[in-house]
């Protein structure tokens, strides 16, 4: 049996979410769903094996979540993000208390994505 975890993160503005996750983080928009026009969006974004669901639906999840993401090369991710020069998000590589190298990125909705390299 094979399992995959897909975090659901609360968003409040579709355009800000797309600017952050697609343009800044370089993720792909896999699909999006609305029950009707002018209803909240639910979408899936991905980059390689990282898959996230983003939801404007208030009952799906709470804003301000933290997602721990294992990655192989935090330096490469850091370089990619530095090239984007996002004025609202300037993450730095840190040494975590457990000794790993980590990079925390905060989206416009206060969700934290902690990229961790062992």
PDB file of N, CA and C in Angstrom:
ATOM      1  N   UNK A   1       0.835  -1.173   0.000  1.00  0.00           N
ATOM      2  CA  UNK A   1       0.000   0.000   0.000  1.00  0.00           C
ATOM      3  C   UNK A   1       0.884   1.242   0.000  1.00  0.00           C
ATOM      4  N   UNK A   2       0.513   2.259  -0.749  1.00  0.00           N
ATOM      5  CA  UNK A   2       1.289   3.486  -0.872  1.00  0.00           C
ATOM      6  C   UNK A   2       0.427   4.669  -0.425  1.00  0.00           C
ATOM      7  N   UNK A   3       0.975   5.539   0.420  1.00  0.00           N
ATOM      8  CA  UNK A   3       0.242   6.704   0.909  1.00  0.00           C
ATOM      9  C   UNK A   3       0.925   7.971   0.446  1.00  0.00           C
ATOM     10  N   UNK A   4       0.146   9.025   0.307  1.00  0.00           N
ATOM     11  CA  UNK A   4       0.676  10.356   0.028  1.00  0.00           C
ATOM     12  C   UNK A   4      -0.110  11.364   0.848  1.00  0.00           C
ATOM     13  N   UNK A   5       0.584  12.257   1.504  1.00  0.00           N
ATOM     14  CA  UNK A   5      -0.065  13.322   2.263  1.00  0.00           C
ATOM     15  C   UNK A   5      -0.130  14.563   1.396  1.00  0.00           C
ATOM     16  N   UNK A   6      -1.301  15.198   1.353  1.00  0.00           N
ATOM     17  CA  UNK A   6      -1.457  16.449   0.619  1.00  0.00           C
ATOM     18  C   UNK A   6      -2.070  17.475   1.568  1.00  0.00           C
ATOM     19  N   UNK A   7      -1.252  18.404   2.061  1.00  0.00           N
ATOM     20  CA  UNK A   7      -1.789  19.436   2.956  1.00  0.00           C
ATOM     21  C   UNK A   7      -2.785  20.339   2.226  1.00  0.00           C
ATOM     22  N   UNK A   8      -3.790  20.782   2.966  1.00  0.00           N
ATOM     23  CA  UNK A   8      -4.750  21.767   2.465  1.00  0.00           C
ATOM     24  C   UNK A   8      -4.471  23.066   3.208  1.00  0.00           C
ATOM     25  N   UNK A   9      -4.175  24.123   2.470  1.00  0.00           N
ATOM     26  CA  UNK A   9      -3.854  25.416   3.054  1.00  0.00           C
ATOM     27  C   UNK A   9      -4.939  26.424   2.712  1.00  0.00           C
ATOM     28  N   UNK A  10      -5.314  27.215   3.689  1.00  0.00           N
ATOM     29  CA  UNK A  10      -6.370  28.222   3.521  1.00  0.00           C
ATOM     30  C   UNK A  10      -5.792  29.443   2.827  1.00  0.00           C
ATOM     31  N   UNK A  11      -6.490  29.912   1.808  1.00  0.00           N
ATOM     32  CA  UNK A  11      -6.141  31.137   1.105  1.00  0.00           C
ATOM     33  C   UNK A  11      -7.359  32.051   1.102  1.00  0.00           C
ATOM     34  N   UNK A  12      -7.130  33.337   0.891  1.00  0.00           N
ATOM     35  CA  UNK A  12      -8.226  34.309   0.887  1.00  0.00           C
ATOM     36  C   UNK A  12      -8.345  35.068  -0.423  1.00  0.00           C
ATOM     37  N   UNK A  13      -7.367  34.941  -1.297  1.00  0.00           N
ATOM     38  CA  UNK A  13      -7.343  35.710  -2.533  1.00  0.00           C
ATOM     39  C   UNK A  13      -6.664  34.868  -3.609  1.00  0.00           C
ATOM     40  N   UNK A  14      -7.428  34.461  -4.591  1.00  0.00           N
ATOM     41  CA  UNK A  14      -6.926  33.569  -5.635  1.00  0.00           C
ATOM     42  C   UNK A  14      -5.734  34.165  -6.376  1.00  0.00           C
ATOM     43  N   UNK A  15      -5.801  35.439  -6.732  1.00  0.00           N
ATOM     44  CA  UNK A  15      -4.716  36.060  -7.492  1.00  0.00           C
ATOM     45  C   UNK A  15      -3.430  36.150  -6.672  1.00  0.00           C
ATOM     46  N   UNK A  16      -3.541  36.507  -5.389  1.00  0.00           N
ATOM     47  CA  UNK A  16      -2.350  36.538  -4.526  1.00  0.00           C
ATOM     48  C   UNK A  16      -1.771  35.141  -4.357  1.00  0.00           C
ATOM     49  N   UNK A  17      -2.645  34.146  -4.224  1.00  0.00           N
ATOM     50  CA  UNK A  17      -2.179  32.761  -4.081  1.00  0.00           C
ATOM     51  C   UNK A  17      -1.434  32.321  -5.336  1.00  0.00           C
ATOM     52  N   UNK A  18      -1.977  32.621  -6.494  1.00  0.00           N
ATOM     53  CA  UNK A  18      -1.312  32.231  -7.740  1.00  0.00           C
ATOM     54  C   UNK A  18       0.008  32.966  -7.912  1.00  0.00           C
ATOM     55  N   UNK A  19       0.042  34.245  -7.567  1.00  0.00           N
ATOM     56  CA  UNK A  19       1.298  35.001  -7.665  1.00  0.00           C
ATOM     57  C   UNK A  19       2.356  34.383  -6.767  1.00  0.00           C
ATOM     58  N   UNK A  20       1.966  33.961  -5.570  1.00  0.00           N
ATOM     59  CA  UNK A  20       2.927  33.390  -4.630  1.00  0.00           C
ATOM     60  C   UNK A  20       3.339  31.972  -5.026  1.00  0.00           C
ATOM     61  N   UNK A  21       2.367  31.085  -5.185  1.00  0.00           N
ATOM     62  CA  UNK A  21       2.680  29.670  -5.401  1.00  0.00           C
ATOM     63  C   UNK A  21       3.166  29.376  -6.823  1.00  0.00           C
ATOM     64  N   UNK A  22       2.608  30.041  -7.812  1.00  0.00           N
ATOM     65  CA  UNK A  22       3.008  29.766  -9.193  1.00  0.00           C
ATOM     66  C   UNK A  22       4.206  30.617  -9.603  1.00  0.00           C
ATOM     67  N   UNK A  23       4.102  31.932  -9.415  1.00  0.00           N
ATOM     68  CA  UNK A  23       5.165  32.814  -9.880  1.00  0.00           C
ATOM     69  C   UNK A  23       6.387  32.781  -8.970  1.00  0.00           C
ATOM     70  N   UNK A  24       6.189  32.928  -7.659  1.00  0.00           N
ATOM     71  CA  UNK A  24       7.319  32.992  -6.735  1.00  0.00           C
ATOM     72  C   UNK A  24       7.927  31.616  -6.458  1.00  0.00           C
ATOM     73  N   UNK A  25       7.103  30.641  -6.063  1.00  0.00           N
ATOM     74  CA  UNK A  25       7.644  29.311  -5.746  1.00  0.00           C
ATOM     75  C   UNK A  25       7.869  28.441  -6.983  1.00  0.00           C
ATOM     76  N   UNK A  26       7.323  28.844  -8.132  1.00  0.00           N
ATOM     77  CA  UNK A  26       7.547  28.087  -9.361  1.00  0.00           C
ATOM     78  C   UNK A  26       6.762  26.796  -9.445  1.00  0.00           C
ATOM     79  N   UNK A  27       5.632  26.743  -8.744  1.00  0.00           N
ATOM     80  CA  UNK A  27       4.799  25.541  -8.785  1.00  0.00           C
ATOM     81  C   UNK A  27       3.890  25.580 -10.011  1.00  0.00           C
ATOM     82  N   UNK A  28       3.290  24.448 -10.328  1.00  0.00           N
ATOM     83  CA  UNK A  28       2.365  24.336 -11.449  1.00  0.00           C
ATOM     84  C   UNK A  28       0.933  24.305 -10.934  1.00  0.00           C
ATOM     85  N   UNK A  29       0.024  24.892 -11.674  1.00  0.00           N
ATOM     86  CA  UNK A  29      -1.399  24.776 -11.372  1.00  0.00           C
ATOM     87  C   UNK A  29      -1.896  23.513 -12.066  1.00  0.00           C
ATOM     88  N   UNK A  30      -2.255  22.495 -11.267  1.00  0.00           N
ATOM     89  CA  UNK A  30      -2.702  21.219 -11.829  1.00  0.00           C
ATOM     90  C   UNK A  30      -4.177  21.254 -12.206  1.00  0.00           C
ATOM     91  N   UNK A  31      -4.970  21.841 -11.338  1.00  0.00           N
ATOM     92  CA  UNK A  31      -6.409  21.985 -11.606  1.00  0.00           C
ATOM     93  C   UNK A  31      -7.010  22.939 -10.583  1.00  0.00           C
ATOM     94  N   UNK A  32      -8.202  23.434 -10.911  1.00  0.00           N
ATOM     95  CA  UNK A  32      -8.960  24.252  -9.967  1.00  0.00           C
ATOM     96  C   UNK A  32     -10.439  23.938 -10.121  1.00  0.00           C
ATOM     97  N   UNK A  33     -11.196  24.129  -9.035  1.00  0.00           N
ATOM     98  CA  UNK A  33     -12.616  23.789  -9.026  1.00  0.00           C
ATOM     99  C   UNK A  33     -13.412  24.861  -8.302  1.00  0.00           C
ATOM    100  N   UNK A  34     -14.581  25.146  -8.849  1.00  0.00           N
ATOM    101  CA  UNK A  34     -15.580  25.997  -8.206  1.00  0.00           C
ATOM    102  C   UNK A  34     -16.934  25.313  -8.415  1.00  0.00           C
ATOM    103  N   UNK A  35     -17.810  25.429  -7.431  1.00  0.00           N
ATOM    104  CA  UNK A  35     -19.144  24.861  -7.604  1.00  0.00           C
ATOM    105  C   UNK A  35     -19.946  25.650  -8.626  1.00  0.00           C
ATOM    106  N   UNK A  36     -19.735  26.954  -8.657  1.00  0.00           N
ATOM    107  CA  UNK A  36     -20.385  27.839  -9.633  1.00  0.00           C
ATOM    108  C   UNK A  36     -19.507  29.063  -9.811  1.00  0.00           C
ATOM    109  N   UNK A  37     -19.802  29.869 -10.823  1.00  0.00           N
ATOM    110  CA  UNK A  37     -19.074  31.122 -11.021  1.00  0.00           C
ATOM    111  C   UNK A  37     -19.232  31.991  -9.774  1.00  0.00           C
ATOM    112  N   UNK A  38     -18.196  32.720  -9.440  1.00  0.00           N
ATOM    113  CA  UNK A  38     -18.181  33.617  -8.275  1.00  0.00           C
ATOM    114  C   UNK A  38     -18.289  32.876  -6.942  1.00  0.00           C
ATOM    115  N   UNK A  39     -17.880  31.629  -6.916  1.00  0.00           N
ATOM    116  CA  UNK A  39     -17.781  30.838  -5.691  1.00  0.00           C
ATOM    117  C   UNK A  39     -16.306  30.691  -5.330  1.00  0.00           C
ATOM    118  N   UNK A  40     -15.997  30.284  -4.096  1.00  0.00           N
ATOM    119  CA  UNK A  40     -14.602  30.093  -3.706  1.00  0.00           C
ATOM    120  C   UNK A  40     -13.913  29.023  -4.562  1.00  0.00           C
ATOM    121  N   UNK A  41     -12.625  29.200  -4.734  1.00  0.00           N
ATOM    122  CA  UNK A  41     -11.840  28.264  -5.532  1.00  0.00           C
ATOM    123  C   UNK A  41     -11.173  27.220  -4.617  1.00  0.00           C
ATOM    124  N   UNK A  42     -10.987  26.029  -5.151  1.00  0.00           N
ATOM    125  CA  UNK A  42     -10.201  24.956  -4.543  1.00  0.00           C
ATOM    126  C   UNK A  42      -9.265  24.496  -5.644  1.00  0.00           C
ATOM    127  N   UNK A  43      -7.956  24.521  -5.397  1.00  0.00           N
ATOM    128  CA  UNK A  43      -7.017  24.187  -6.469  1.00  0.00           C
ATOM    129  C   UNK A  43      -5.865  23.339  -5.966  1.00  0.00           C
ATOM    130  N   UNK A  44      -5.236  22.673  -6.910  1.00  0.00           N
ATOM    131  CA  UNK A  44      -4.045  21.896  -6.606  1.00  0.00           C
ATOM    132  C   UNK A  44      -2.858  22.505  -7.327  1.00  0.00           C
ATOM    133  N   UNK A  45      -1.764  22.687  -6.569  1.00  0.00           N
ATOM    134  CA  UNK A  45      -0.503  23.140  -7.141  1.00  0.00           C
ATOM    135  C   UNK A  45       0.557  22.092  -6.815  1.00  0.00           C
ATOM    136  N   UNK A  46       1.573  21.999  -7.683  1.00  0.00           N
ATOM    137  CA  UNK A  46       2.604  20.994  -7.441  1.00  0.00           C
ATOM    138  C   UNK A  46       3.932  21.442  -8.041  1.00  0.00           C
ATOM    139  N   UNK A  47       4.984  20.856  -7.493  1.00  0.00           N
ATOM    140  CA  UNK A  47       6.341  21.025  -8.020  1.00  0.00           C
ATOM    141  C   UNK A  47       7.067  19.736  -7.688  1.00  0.00           C
ATOM    142  N   UNK A  48       7.405  18.981  -8.709  1.00  0.00           N
ATOM    143  CA  UNK A  48       7.986  17.656  -8.552  1.00  0.00           C
ATOM    144  C   UNK A  48       7.059  16.815  -7.663  1.00  0.00           C
ATOM    145  N   UNK A  49       7.534  16.305  -6.516  1.00  0.00           N
ATOM    146  CA  UNK A  49       6.708  15.462  -5.655  1.00  0.00           C
ATOM    147  C   UNK A  49       5.918  16.241  -4.615  1.00  0.00           C
ATOM    148  N   UNK A  50       6.109  17.544  -4.548  1.00  0.00           N
ATOM    149  CA  UNK A  50       5.380  18.373  -3.592  1.00  0.00           C
ATOM    150  C   UNK A  50       4.016  18.735  -4.172  1.00  0.00           C
ATOM    151  N   UNK A  51       2.962  18.352  -3.473  1.00  0.00           N
ATOM    152  CA  UNK A  51       1.590  18.632  -3.903  1.00  0.00           C
ATOM    153  C   UNK A  51       0.871  19.332  -2.751  1.00  0.00           C
ATOM    154  N   UNK A  52       0.223  20.457  -3.056  1.00  0.00           N
ATOM    155  CA  UNK A  52      -0.548  21.207  -2.071  1.00  0.00           C
ATOM    156  C   UNK A  52      -1.929  21.492  -2.618  1.00  0.00           C
ATOM    157  N   UNK A  53      -2.912  21.498  -1.745  1.00  0.00           N
ATOM    158  CA  UNK A  53      -4.246  21.968  -2.097  1.00  0.00           C
ATOM    159  C   UNK A  53      -4.435  23.330  -1.435  1.00  0.00           C
ATOM    160  N   UNK A  54      -4.979  24.272  -2.183  1.00  0.00           N
ATOM    161  CA  UNK A  54      -5.229  25.620  -1.697  1.00  0.00           C
ATOM    162  C   UNK A  54      -6.728  25.862  -1.758  1.00  0.00           C
ATOM    163  N   UNK A  55      -7.308  26.317  -0.656  1.00  0.00           N
ATOM    164  CA  UNK A  55      -8.757  26.432  -0.578  1.00  0.00           C
ATOM    165  C   UNK A  55      -9.197  27.791  -0.048  1.00  0.00           C
ATOM    166  N   UNK A  56     -10.157  28.389  -0.745  1.00  0.00           N
ATOM    167  CA  UNK A  56     -10.815  29.598  -0.253  1.00  0.00           C
ATOM    168  C   UNK A  56     -12.028  29.256   0.614  1.00  0.00           C
ATOM    169  N   UNK A  57     -12.382  27.989   0.728  1.00  0.00           N
ATOM    170  CA  UNK A  57     -13.541  27.567   1.516  1.00  0.00           C
ATOM    171  C   UNK A  57     -13.221  27.652   3.008  1.00  0.00           C
ATOM    172  N   UNK A  58     -14.030  28.384   3.743  1.00  0.00           N
ATOM    173  CA  UNK A  58     -13.738  28.645   5.155  1.00  0.00           C
ATOM    174  C   UNK A  58     -13.763  27.384   6.015  1.00  0.00           C
ATOM    175  N   UNK A  59     -14.538  26.395   5.672  1.00  0.00           N
ATOM    176  CA  UNK A  59     -14.646  25.197   6.499  1.00  0.00           C
ATOM    177  C   UNK A  59     -13.567  24.166   6.266  1.00  0.00           C
ATOM    178  N   UNK A  60     -12.719  24.357   5.266  1.00  0.00           N
ATOM    179  CA  UNK A  60     -11.718  23.339   4.939  1.00  0.00           C
ATOM    180  C   UNK A  60     -10.533  23.316   5.898  1.00  0.00           C
ATOM    181  N   UNK A  61     -10.094  24.460   6.348  1.00  0.00           N
ATOM    182  CA  UNK A  61      -8.895  24.521   7.183  1.00  0.00           C
ATOM    183  C   UNK A  61      -8.750  25.923   7.758  1.00  0.00           C
ATOM    184  N   UNK A  62      -7.795  26.079   8.645  1.00  0.00           N
ATOM    185  CA  UNK A  62      -7.554  27.374   9.283  1.00  0.00           C
ATOM    186  C   UNK A  62      -6.330  28.037   8.678  1.00  0.00           C
ATOM    187  N   UNK A  63      -6.333  29.354   8.576  1.00  0.00           N
ATOM    188  CA  UNK A  63      -5.141  30.049   8.088  1.00  0.00           C
ATOM    189  C   UNK A  63      -4.018  29.940   9.117  1.00  0.00           C
ATOM    190  N   UNK A  64      -2.791  30.130   8.672  1.00  0.00           N
ATOM    191  CA  UNK A  64      -1.655  30.107   9.573  1.00  0.00           C
ATOM    192  C   UNK A  64      -1.101  28.722   9.842  1.00  0.00           C
ATOM    193  N   UNK A  65      -1.311  27.780   8.934  1.00  0.00           N
ATOM    194  CA  UNK A  65      -0.781  26.423   9.101  1.00  0.00           C
ATOM    195  C   UNK A  65       0.724  26.403   8.847  1.00  0.00           C
ATOM    196  N   UNK A  66       1.363  25.343   9.288  1.00  0.00           N
ATOM    197  CA  UNK A  66       2.782  25.134   9.015  1.00  0.00           C
ATOM    198  C   UNK A  66       2.941  23.752   8.404  1.00  0.00           C
ATOM    199  N   UNK A  67       3.620  23.683   7.272  1.00  0.00           N
ATOM    200  CA  UNK A  67       3.848  22.431   6.572  1.00  0.00           C
ATOM    201  C   UNK A  67       5.342  22.157   6.518  1.00  0.00           C
ATOM    202  N   UNK A  68       5.765  20.991   6.991  1.00  0.00           N
ATOM    203  CA  UNK A  68       7.168  20.568   7.008  1.00  0.00           C
ATOM    204  C   UNK A  68       7.428  19.789   5.735  1.00  0.00           C
ATOM    205  N   UNK A  69       8.412  20.232   4.937  1.00  0.00           N
ATOM    206  CA  UNK A  69       8.673  19.637   3.633  1.00  0.00           C
ATOM    207  C   UNK A  69      10.141  19.214   3.564  1.00  0.00           C
ATOM    208  N   UNK A  70      10.392  17.926   3.412  1.00  0.00           N
ATOM    209  CA  UNK A  70      11.764  17.463   3.203  1.00  0.00           C
ATOM    210  C   UNK A  70      12.201  17.841   1.793  1.00  0.00           C
ATOM    211  N   UNK A  71      13.439  18.333   1.656  1.00  0.00           N
ATOM    212  CA  UNK A  71      13.978  18.620   0.328  1.00  0.00           C
ATOM    213  C   UNK A  71      15.452  18.232   0.289  1.00  0.00           C
ATOM    214  N   UNK A  72      15.970  18.021  -0.914  1.00  0.00           N
ATOM    215  CA  UNK A  72      17.346  17.566  -1.086  1.00  0.00           C
ATOM    216  C   UNK A  72      18.354  18.707  -1.180  1.00  0.00           C
ATOM    217  N   UNK A  73      17.917  19.881  -1.651  1.00  0.00           N
ATOM    218  CA  UNK A  73      18.862  20.951  -1.936  1.00  0.00           C
ATOM    219  C   UNK A  73      18.255  22.304  -1.575  1.00  0.00           C
ATOM    220  N   UNK A  74      18.360  22.671  -0.316  1.00  0.00           N
ATOM    221  CA  UNK A  74      17.800  23.934   0.145  1.00  0.00           C
ATOM    222  C   UNK A  74      18.546  25.120  -0.479  1.00  0.00           C
ATOM    223  N   UNK A  75      19.830  24.937  -0.832  1.00  0.00           N
ATOM    224  CA  UNK A  75      20.595  26.011  -1.479  1.00  0.00           C
ATOM    225  C   UNK A  75      20.029  26.348  -2.856  1.00  0.00           C
ATOM    226  N   UNK A  76      19.645  25.331  -3.610  1.00  0.00           N
ATOM    227  CA  UNK A  76      19.074  25.560  -4.935  1.00  0.00           C
ATOM    228  C   UNK A  76      17.744  26.305  -4.815  1.00  0.00           C
ATOM    229  N   UNK A  77      16.902  25.879  -3.879  1.00  0.00           N
ATOM    230  CA  UNK A  77      15.630  26.565  -3.660  1.00  0.00           C
ATOM    231  C   UNK A  77      15.872  28.011  -3.251  1.00  0.00           C
ATOM    232  N   UNK A  78      16.801  28.233  -2.344  1.00  0.00           N
ATOM    233  CA  UNK A  78      17.138  29.585  -1.903  1.00  0.00           C
ATOM    234  C   UNK A  78      17.561  30.451  -3.090  1.00  0.00           C
ATOM    235  N   UNK A  79      18.410  29.923  -3.953  1.00  0.00           N
ATOM    236  CA  UNK A  79      18.862  30.663  -5.138  1.00  0.00           C
ATOM    237  C   UNK A  79      17.697  31.007  -6.058  1.00  0.00           C
ATOM    238  N   UNK A  80      16.806  30.037  -6.277  1.00  0.00           N
ATOM    239  CA  UNK A  80      15.633  30.285  -7.127  1.00  0.00           C
ATOM    240  C   UNK A  80      14.785  31.418  -6.560  1.00  0.00           C
ATOM    241  N   UNK A  81      14.567  31.399  -5.251  1.00  0.00           N
ATOM    242  CA  UNK A  81      13.723  32.419  -4.625  1.00  0.00           C
ATOM    243  C   UNK A  81      14.412  33.782  -4.611  1.00  0.00           C
ATOM    244  N   UNK A  82      15.729  33.817  -4.440  1.00  0.00           N
ATOM    245  CA  UNK A  82      16.460  35.080  -4.452  1.00  0.00           C
ATOM    246  C   UNK A  82      16.344  35.754  -5.812  1.00  0.00           C
ATOM    247  N   UNK A  83      16.356  34.974  -6.886  1.00  0.00           N
ATOM    248  CA  UNK A  83      16.229  35.515  -8.236  1.00  0.00           C
ATOM    249  C   UNK A  83      14.881  36.189  -8.462  1.00  0.00           C
ATOM    250  N   UNK A  84      13.849  35.729  -7.755  1.00  0.00           N
ATOM    251  CA  UNK A  84      12.507  36.288  -7.932  1.00  0.00           C
ATOM    252  C   UNK A  84      12.371  37.664  -7.283  1.00  0.00           C
ATOM    253  N   UNK A  85      13.186  37.957  -6.262  1.00  0.00           N
ATOM    254  CA  UNK A  85      13.205  39.249  -5.585  1.00  0.00           C
ATOM    255  C   UNK A  85      11.809  39.694  -5.148  1.00  0.00           C
ATOM    256  N   UNK A  86      11.119  38.837  -4.414  1.00  0.00           N
ATOM    257  CA  UNK A  86       9.789  39.147  -3.885  1.00  0.00           C
ATOM    258  C   UNK A  86       9.937  40.132  -2.726  1.00  0.00           C
ATOM    259  N   UNK A  87       9.293  41.288  -2.832  1.00  0.00           N
ATOM    260  CA  UNK A  87       9.478  42.317  -1.801  1.00  0.00           C
ATOM    261  C   UNK A  87       8.812  41.964  -0.477  1.00  0.00           C
ATOM    262  N   UNK A  88       7.891  41.005  -0.458  1.00  0.00           N
ATOM    263  CA  UNK A  88       7.192  40.634   0.768  1.00  0.00           C
ATOM    264  C   UNK A  88       7.760  39.392   1.447  1.00  0.00           C
ATOM    265  N   UNK A  89       8.597  38.644   0.756  1.00  0.00           N
ATOM    266  CA  UNK A  89       9.093  37.382   1.303  1.00  0.00           C
ATOM    267  C   UNK A  89      10.585  37.267   1.017  1.00  0.00           C
ATOM    268  N   UNK A  90      11.377  37.385   2.071  1.00  0.00           N
ATOM    269  CA  UNK A  90      12.840  37.324   1.958  1.00  0.00           C
ATOM    270  C   UNK A  90      13.377  36.223   2.884  1.00  0.00           C
ATOM    271  N   UNK A  91      13.137  34.955   2.547  1.00  0.00           N
ATOM    272  CA  UNK A  91      13.568  33.866   3.442  1.00  0.00           C
ATOM    273  C   UNK A  91      15.083  33.719   3.476  1.00  0.00           C
ATOM    274  N   UNK A  92      15.571  33.189   4.574  1.00  0.00           N
ATOM    275  CA  UNK A  92      16.998  32.912   4.759  1.00  0.00           C
ATOM    276  C   UNK A  92      17.169  31.456   5.190  1.00  0.00           C
ATOM    277  N   UNK A  93      18.297  30.877   4.824  1.00  0.00           N
ATOM    278  CA  UNK A  93      18.625  29.526   5.283  1.00  0.00           C
ATOM    279  C   UNK A  93      19.093  29.625   6.729  1.00  0.00           C
ATOM    280  N   UNK A  94      18.553  28.731   7.546  1.00  0.00           N
ATOM    281  CA  UNK A  94      18.889  28.705   8.971  1.00  0.00           C
ATOM    282  C   UNK A  94      19.311  27.291   9.368  1.00  0.00           C
ATOM    283  N   UNK A  95      20.046  27.203  10.454  1.00  0.00           N
ATOM    284  CA  UNK A  95      20.319  25.901  11.055  1.00  0.00           C
ATOM    285  C   UNK A  95      19.239  25.667  12.097  1.00  0.00           C
ATOM    286  N   UNK A  96      18.462  24.633  11.896  1.00  0.00           N
ATOM    287  CA  UNK A  96      17.358  24.312  12.806  1.00  0.00           C
ATOM    288  C   UNK A  96      17.904  23.796  14.132  1.00  0.00           C
ATOM    289  N   UNK A  97      17.117  23.895  15.197  1.00  0.00           N
ATOM    290  CA  UNK A  97      17.557  23.378  16.498  1.00  0.00           C
ATOM    291  C   UNK A  97      17.936  21.898  16.457  1.00  0.00           C
ATOM    292  N   UNK A  98      17.387  21.137  15.519  1.00  0.00           N
ATOM    293  CA  UNK A  98      17.693  19.705  15.419  1.00  0.00           C
ATOM    294  C   UNK A  98      18.904  19.456  14.512  1.00  0.00           C
ATOM    295  N   UNK A  99      19.568  20.542  14.037  1.00  0.00           N
ATOM    296  CA  UNK A  99      20.803  20.419  13.282  1.00  0.00           C
ATOM    297  C   UNK A  99      20.668  20.438  11.771  1.00  0.00           C
ATOM    298  N   UNK A 100      19.474  20.335  11.238  1.00  0.00           N
ATOM    299  CA  UNK A 100      19.263  20.370   9.790  1.00  0.00           C
ATOM    300  C   UNK A 100      19.292  21.811   9.289  1.00  0.00           C
ATOM    301  N   UNK A 101      19.398  21.969   7.989  1.00  0.00           N
ATOM    302  CA  UNK A 101      19.320  23.284   7.361  1.00  0.00           C
ATOM    303  C   UNK A 101      17.894  23.480   6.883  1.00  0.00           C
ATOM    304  N   UNK A 102      17.337  24.642   7.152  1.00  0.00           N
ATOM    305  CA  UNK A 102      15.939  24.871   6.787  1.00  0.00           C
ATOM    306  C   UNK A 102      15.739  26.265   6.224  1.00  0.00           C
ATOM    307  N   UNK A 103      14.651  26.384   5.490  1.00  0.00           N
ATOM    308  CA  UNK A 103      14.248  27.633   4.852  1.00  0.00           C
ATOM    309  C   UNK A 103      12.746  27.740   5.024  1.00  0.00           C
ATOM    310  N   UNK A 104      12.284  28.757   5.722  1.00  0.00           N
ATOM    311  CA  UNK A 104      10.852  28.933   5.941  1.00  0.00           C
ATOM    312  C   UNK A 104      10.335  30.049   5.047  1.00  0.00           C
ATOM    313  N   UNK A 105       9.288  29.731   4.296  1.00  0.00           N
ATOM    314  CA  UNK A 105       8.645  30.678   3.398  1.00  0.00           C
ATOM    315  C   UNK A 105       7.228  30.893   3.916  1.00  0.00           C
ATOM    316  N   UNK A 106       6.819  32.141   4.044  1.00  0.00           N
ATOM    317  CA  UNK A 106       5.486  32.467   4.559  1.00  0.00           C
ATOM    318  C   UNK A 106       4.652  33.045   3.416  1.00  0.00           C
ATOM    319  N   UNK A 107       3.506  32.419   3.152  1.00  0.00           N
ATOM    320  CA  UNK A 107       2.648  32.896   2.065  1.00  0.00           C
ATOM    321  C   UNK A 107       1.839  34.119   2.504  1.00  0.00           C
ATOM    322  N   UNK A 108       1.112  34.759   1.605  1.00  0.00           N
ATOM    323  CA  UNK A 108       0.354  35.967   1.953  1.00  0.00           C
ATOM    324  C   UNK A 108      -0.770  35.736   2.965  1.00  0.00           C
ATOM    325  N   UNK A 109      -1.029  34.474   3.337  1.00  0.00           N
ATOM    326  CA  UNK A 109      -2.131  34.143   4.241  1.00  0.00           C
ATOM    327  C   UNK A 109      -1.610  33.590   5.570  1.00  0.00           C
ATOM    328  N   UNK A 110      -0.336  33.814   5.832  1.00  0.00           N
ATOM    329  CA  UNK A 110       0.365  33.406   7.063  1.00  0.00           C
ATOM    330  C   UNK A 110       0.602  31.906   7.183  1.00  0.00           C
ATOM    331  N   UNK A 111       0.475  31.172   6.088  1.00  0.00           N
ATOM    332  CA  UNK A 111       0.845  29.758   6.092  1.00  0.00           C
ATOM    333  C   UNK A 111       2.355  29.662   5.927  1.00  0.00           C
ATOM    334  N   UNK A 112       2.976  28.798   6.714  1.00  0.00           N
ATOM    335  CA  UNK A 112       4.425  28.631   6.677  1.00  0.00           C
ATOM    336  C   UNK A 112       4.782  27.310   5.999  1.00  0.00           C
ATOM    337  N   UNK A 113       5.696  27.391   5.046  1.00  0.00           N
ATOM    338  CA  UNK A 113       6.236  26.214   4.384  1.00  0.00           C
ATOM    339  C   UNK A 113       7.687  26.100   4.822  1.00  0.00           C
ATOM    340  N   UNK A 114       7.994  25.093   5.624  1.00  0.00           N
ATOM    341  CA  UNK A 114       9.354  24.880   6.132  1.00  0.00           C
ATOM    342  C   UNK A 114      10.010  23.816   5.276  1.00  0.00           C
ATOM    343  N   UNK A 115      10.961  24.232   4.445  1.00  0.00           N
ATOM    344  CA  UNK A 115      11.732  23.314   3.610  1.00  0.00           C
ATOM    345  C   UNK A 115      12.951  22.892   4.418  1.00  0.00           C
ATOM    346  N   UNK A 116      13.119  21.601   4.632  1.00  0.00           N
ATOM    347  CA  UNK A 116      14.148  21.070   5.523  1.00  0.00           C
ATOM    348  C   UNK A 116      15.074  20.118   4.749  1.00  0.00           C
ATOM    349  N   UNK A 117      16.380  20.369   4.883  1.00  0.00           N
ATOM    350  CA  UNK A 117      17.388  19.484   4.295  1.00  0.00           C
ATOM    351  C   UNK A 117      18.162  18.837   5.424  1.00  0.00           C
ATOM    352  N   UNK A 118      18.197  17.528   5.453  1.00  0.00           N
ATOM    353  CA  UNK A 118      18.920  16.799   6.513  1.00  0.00           C
ATOM    354  C   UNK A 118      20.397  16.940   6.349  1.00  0.00           C
TER     355      UNK A 118
END
